[in-house]
Amino acid sequence: MVKFYIYIVFIYIGLVLVSCKQEPKKAMSNTEKMAAVADDFNSQFAAGMEAITKFRGVEKTDSIKAKQALDAAVYHFEKANLMDSMNLDLVFLLGNSYYLSKSYYRAMSTYERIKRVWPNEEKVNKNLRLSYREVARAELYNENNPLSCRNYVEKSLKMDPTDVQSVEILGVSLARLSNWDTAVIELKRAIQMNPKSATALTNLSIVMSKQEKWEESKKYIEMAKAIDPRMENPMLTEKK
C-alpha cells in the first residue's frame, strides 16, 4: 500500500521592524521562491508538499495561483526525484502533480513506473487508468491519431470496462477508423451506461449519418438536443 510520508513544515518568520524611510522589499516571484529552496531532498520534498497543499486551497477560486502552485509542486518533486529516484511515494506525488497540471503523457509514464514495482496498488492503477483515458482523448482530438487513441483507450478499458467515457472515446476512434458497425456498438453501449450523455448521442447520430441512416441519425440528435440544446450534427444541417 502506498505510504505517504507527511512532512509538516512549521516556518517561523521573525518580523523585523524597519524604518519607514526604507524602500519596501519587492515581493519574490514564483520562480525566485522555487529557486530559493535549499537543494536537498527533504527541503525539495517539503516545498512540493507545501505547493500541492496550496493548490488544493485555491484550485476552485484562483486559477492563476492554482497554476503557480502546481508548477511549483512539479518543479520541487522533480528535483527531489533526481536526488532519490527510488522513493515511490514521491514518484506517486509527482505523477499526481503531472495529472493535475494536465501533463497526461508524463503522468502515464510516471504511474507505469510505479506499477512495475507495485502492480496491485489500487490508487496507482486507478490513476494510471485515468491517464490512459486522457492520453487516448488527446491522441484522438489533439493529434488526430485514432489508431493510437484506440491503443490507449483499450488499455484503460482493460483496467475498468465500466468507464463510460472510455467506451465513448473507443466508439469515436472506431468511427474515425471507418469501423462503422463496431463504432455503433460501442456508442450504443456508452448510451446504455449513461442515457444522458449528449455527446455519445451526438456521436452516434453522426455515425448514422455516415452510414446514410438518416432517420436514426435524426432520432439520436433530437435526443441529444433534448439534453443539451447546443448539440448539432453538421451532416444533417448540410443535408437540408
Protein backbone atom coordinates (compact mmCIF):
# COMPACT_ATOMS: atom_id res chain seq x y z
CA MET A 1 0.00 0.00 0.00
CA VAL A 2 1.26 3.46 -0.81
CA LYS A 3 2.75 5.04 2.30
CA PHE A 4 2.53 8.80 2.31
CA TYR A 5 5.20 10.47 4.40
CA ILE A 6 3.61 13.69 5.55
CA TYR A 7 6.22 16.32 6.15
CA ILE A 8 4.68 19.13 8.20
CA VAL A 9 6.92 22.09 7.96
CA PHE A 10 6.50 24.85 10.54
CA ILE A 11 8.09 28.04 9.30
CA TYR A 12 8.59 30.70 11.95
CA ILE A 13 9.10 34.06 10.34
CA GLY A 14 10.73 36.71 12.51
CA LEU A 15 9.16 40.07 11.93
CA VAL A 16 11.84 42.72 11.67
CA LEU A 17 10.82 46.31 12.30
CA VAL A 18 12.17 48.59 9.60
CA SER A 19 12.32 52.34 9.39
CA CYS A 20 9.52 53.99 7.45
CA LYS A 21 12.21 55.69 5.39
CA GLN A 22 13.39 52.36 3.89
CA GLU A 23 12.16 51.20 0.49
CA PRO A 24 9.69 48.25 0.75
CA LYS A 25 11.16 44.98 -0.46
CA LYS A 26 9.84 43.67 -3.75
CA ALA A 27 7.77 40.50 -3.41
CA MET A 28 9.59 37.42 -4.66
CA SER A 29 8.31 35.94 -7.90
CA ASN A 30 7.18 32.32 -8.07
CA THR A 31 10.41 31.43 -9.90
CA GLU A 32 12.54 33.15 -7.27
CA LYS A 33 10.70 31.35 -4.46
CA MET A 34 11.30 27.98 -6.13
CA ALA A 35 14.99 28.72 -6.66
CA ALA A 36 15.39 29.84 -3.05
CA VAL A 37 14.59 26.39 -1.61
CA ALA A 38 17.62 24.53 -0.27
CA ASP A 39 18.99 21.97 -2.72
CA ASP A 40 18.46 18.82 -0.66
CA PHE A 41 15.84 16.06 -0.78
CA ASN A 42 13.93 16.94 2.40
CA SER A 43 13.68 20.64 1.54
CA GLN A 44 12.52 19.96 -2.03
CA PHE A 45 10.01 17.34 -0.88
CA ALA A 46 8.62 19.65 1.80
CA ALA A 47 8.36 22.54 -0.69
CA GLY A 48 6.49 20.26 -3.09
CA MET A 49 4.06 19.23 -0.35
CA GLU A 50 3.53 22.86 0.61
CA ALA A 51 2.83 23.75 -3.03
CA ILE A 52 0.34 20.92 -3.59
CA THR A 53 -1.46 21.87 -0.35
CA LYS A 54 -1.65 25.46 -1.55
CA PHE A 55 -3.07 24.26 -4.87
CA ARG A 56 -5.84 22.37 -3.08
CA GLY A 57 -6.74 25.54 -1.25
CA VAL A 58 -7.08 27.76 -4.32
CA GLU A 59 -7.86 25.40 -7.23
CA LYS A 60 -11.55 26.40 -7.32
CA THR A 61 -11.16 30.10 -6.61
CA ASP A 62 -7.97 31.40 -8.26
CA SER A 63 -6.78 29.77 -11.48
CA ILE A 64 -3.56 31.82 -11.66
CA LYS A 65 -2.44 30.94 -8.13
CA ALA A 66 -3.50 27.34 -8.70
CA LYS A 67 -1.30 27.08 -11.80
CA GLN A 68 1.62 28.67 -9.98
CA ALA A 69 1.23 26.21 -7.11
CA LEU A 70 1.09 23.23 -9.47
CA ASP A 71 4.14 24.45 -11.38
CA ALA A 72 5.98 24.74 -8.08
CA ALA A 73 4.88 21.25 -6.97
CA VAL A 74 6.11 19.70 -10.21
CA TYR A 75 9.39 21.63 -10.03
CA HIS A 76 10.18 20.58 -6.44
CA PHE A 77 9.03 16.97 -6.82
CA GLU A 78 11.11 16.62 -9.98
CA LYS A 79 14.18 17.96 -8.18
CA ALA A 80 13.58 15.62 -5.24
CA ASN A 81 13.14 12.71 -7.65
CA LEU A 82 16.56 13.41 -9.16
CA MET A 83 18.02 13.03 -5.69
CA ASP A 84 16.11 9.86 -4.79
CA SER A 85 14.54 8.12 -7.77
CA MET A 86 13.68 5.04 -5.70
CA ASN A 87 11.25 6.85 -3.39
CA LEU A 88 7.99 5.61 -4.89
CA ASP A 89 5.83 7.69 -2.56
CA LEU A 90 7.48 10.75 -4.05
CA VAL A 91 7.06 9.36 -7.57
CA PHE A 92 3.34 8.90 -6.92
CA LEU A 93 3.03 12.52 -5.80
CA LEU A 94 4.93 13.59 -8.91
CA GLY A 95 2.53 11.60 -11.08
CA ASN A 96 -0.43 13.23 -9.34
CA SER A 97 1.07 16.68 -9.93
CA TYR A 98 1.56 15.90 -13.62
CA TYR A 99 -2.03 14.67 -13.88
CA LEU A 100 -3.47 17.72 -12.13
CA SER A 101 -1.49 20.00 -14.44
CA LYS A 102 -2.90 18.03 -17.42
CA SER A 103 0.52 16.66 -18.41
CA TYR A 104 -1.15 13.32 -19.07
CA TYR A 105 1.68 11.71 -21.05
CA ARG A 106 4.14 12.38 -18.21
CA ALA A 107 1.60 11.22 -15.64
CA MET A 108 1.08 7.97 -17.56
CA SER A 109 4.81 7.24 -17.76
CA THR A 110 5.23 8.02 -14.06
CA TYR A 111 2.39 5.73 -12.95
CA GLU A 112 3.65 2.96 -15.24
CA ARG A 113 6.99 3.22 -13.47
CA ILE A 114 5.33 2.70 -10.08
CA LYS A 115 3.10 -0.12 -11.33
CA ARG A 116 6.16 -2.18 -12.27
CA VAL A 117 7.01 -2.27 -8.55
CA TRP A 118 3.51 -2.09 -7.04
CA PRO A 119 1.37 -3.95 -9.64
CA ASN A 120 -1.65 -4.35 -7.37
CA GLU A 121 -1.77 -0.93 -5.71
CA GLU A 122 -5.35 0.32 -6.18
CA LYS A 123 -4.62 4.06 -6.22
CA VAL A 124 -1.79 3.66 -8.71
CA ASN A 125 -3.92 1.53 -11.03
CA LYS A 126 -6.83 3.97 -10.86
CA ASN A 127 -4.66 6.96 -11.73
CA LEU A 128 -2.87 5.04 -14.47
CA ARG A 129 -6.23 4.09 -16.00
CA LEU A 130 -7.38 7.71 -15.96
CA SER A 131 -4.09 8.74 -17.56
CA TYR A 132 -4.56 6.18 -20.35
CA ARG A 133 -8.03 7.61 -20.97
CA GLU A 134 -6.83 11.22 -21.13
CA VAL A 135 -3.87 10.32 -23.37
CA ALA A 136 -6.34 8.50 -25.64
CA ARG A 137 -8.52 11.62 -25.71
CA ALA A 138 -5.51 13.77 -26.60
CA GLU A 139 -4.43 11.36 -29.35
CA LEU A 140 -7.94 11.45 -30.82
CA TYR A 141 -8.78 15.14 -30.65
CA ASN A 142 -5.41 16.90 -30.49
CA GLU A 143 -3.18 14.60 -32.54
CA ASN A 144 -5.88 13.24 -34.89
CA ASN A 145 -4.46 9.74 -34.40
CA PRO A 146 -7.42 7.37 -33.88
CA LEU A 147 -5.23 4.25 -34.09
CA SER A 148 -3.04 5.40 -31.22
CA CYS A 149 -6.15 6.53 -29.37
CA ARG A 150 -7.65 3.07 -29.69
CA ASN A 151 -4.49 1.52 -28.27
CA TYR A 152 -4.54 3.68 -25.15
CA VAL A 153 -8.29 3.60 -24.56
CA GLU A 154 -8.28 -0.19 -24.77
CA LYS A 155 -5.66 -0.19 -22.01
CA SER A 156 -7.99 1.98 -19.94
CA LEU A 157 -10.96 -0.31 -20.58
CA LYS A 158 -8.93 -3.41 -19.76
CA MET A 159 -8.46 -1.93 -16.29
CA ASP A 160 -12.10 -0.83 -15.97
CA PRO A 161 -14.62 -1.96 -18.62
CA THR A 162 -17.35 0.14 -16.96
CA ASP A 163 -15.74 3.55 -17.59
CA VAL A 164 -18.33 5.22 -19.80
CA GLN A 165 -16.01 7.97 -21.05
CA SER A 166 -13.51 5.39 -22.27
CA VAL A 167 -16.27 3.45 -24.03
CA GLU A 168 -17.40 6.61 -25.82
CA ILE A 169 -13.83 7.52 -26.82
CA LEU A 170 -13.39 4.00 -28.20
CA GLY A 171 -16.57 4.39 -30.23
CA VAL A 172 -15.40 7.68 -31.74
CA SER A 173 -11.94 6.28 -32.52
CA LEU A 174 -13.55 3.32 -34.31
CA ALA A 175 -15.69 5.72 -36.32
CA ARG A 176 -12.59 7.71 -37.29
CA LEU A 177 -11.10 4.42 -38.49
CA SER A 178 -14.29 3.84 -40.56
CA ASN A 179 -15.24 0.80 -38.48
CA TRP A 180 -18.84 1.97 -38.54
CA ASP A 181 -20.65 -1.10 -37.25
CA THR A 182 -18.29 -1.57 -34.30
CA ALA A 183 -18.45 2.15 -33.57
CA VAL A 184 -22.25 1.95 -33.36
CA ILE A 185 -22.00 -0.97 -30.92
CA GLU A 186 -19.62 0.91 -28.62
CA LEU A 187 -21.54 4.20 -28.77
CA LYS A 188 -24.81 2.41 -28.00
CA ARG A 189 -23.05 0.72 -25.10
CA ALA A 190 -21.94 4.13 -23.82
CA ILE A 191 -25.53 5.41 -24.08
CA GLN A 192 -26.85 2.34 -22.28
CA MET A 193 -24.37 3.04 -19.48
CA ASN A 194 -25.26 6.75 -19.41
CA PRO A 195 -28.53 7.58 -21.21
CA LYS A 196 -27.99 11.30 -20.54
CA SER A 197 -24.70 11.52 -22.41
CA ALA A 198 -25.47 14.18 -25.02
CA THR A 199 -22.04 13.75 -26.63
CA ALA A 200 -22.46 9.99 -27.07
CA LEU A 201 -25.90 10.53 -28.63
CA THR A 202 -24.49 13.19 -30.96
CA ASN A 203 -21.57 10.99 -31.99
CA LEU A 204 -23.96 8.12 -32.66
CA SER A 205 -26.10 10.46 -34.78
CA ILE A 206 -23.03 11.43 -36.82
CA VAL A 207 -22.05 7.78 -37.34
CA MET A 208 -25.60 7.03 -38.50
CA SER A 209 -25.30 9.91 -40.99
CA LYS A 210 -22.05 8.44 -42.28
CA GLN A 211 -23.98 5.24 -42.94
CA GLU A 212 -26.79 7.28 -44.55
CA LYS A 213 -29.27 6.10 -41.94
CA TRP A 214 -30.91 9.48 -41.82
CA GLU A 215 -33.99 8.73 -39.76
CA GLU A 216 -31.98 7.10 -37.00
CA SER A 217 -29.50 9.93 -37.20
CA LYS A 218 -32.28 12.49 -36.67
CA LYS A 219 -33.69 10.50 -33.77
CA TYR A 220 -30.39 10.47 -31.89
CA ILE A 221 -29.57 14.14 -32.45
CA GLU A 222 -33.04 15.09 -31.20
CA MET A 223 -32.41 13.01 -28.08
CA ALA A 224 -29.06 14.77 -27.64
CA LYS A 225 -30.56 18.25 -28.09
CA ALA A 226 -33.25 17.47 -25.52
CA ILE A 227 -30.40 17.02 -23.02
CA ASP A 228 -28.15 19.80 -24.32
CA PRO A 229 -29.60 22.23 -26.92
CA ARG A 230 -26.06 23.11 -28.08
CA MET A 231 -25.56 19.70 -29.69
CA GLU A 232 -25.52 19.64 -33.50
CA ASN A 233 -24.95 17.16 -36.29
CA PRO A 234 -23.47 19.22 -39.16
CA MET A 235 -24.14 16.40 -41.64
CA LEU A 236 -27.88 16.73 -41.07
CA THR A 237 -27.64 20.50 -41.39
CA GLU A 238 -25.87 20.17 -44.74
CA LYS A 239 -28.47 17.68 -45.98
CA LYS A 240 -31.39 20.10 -45.50
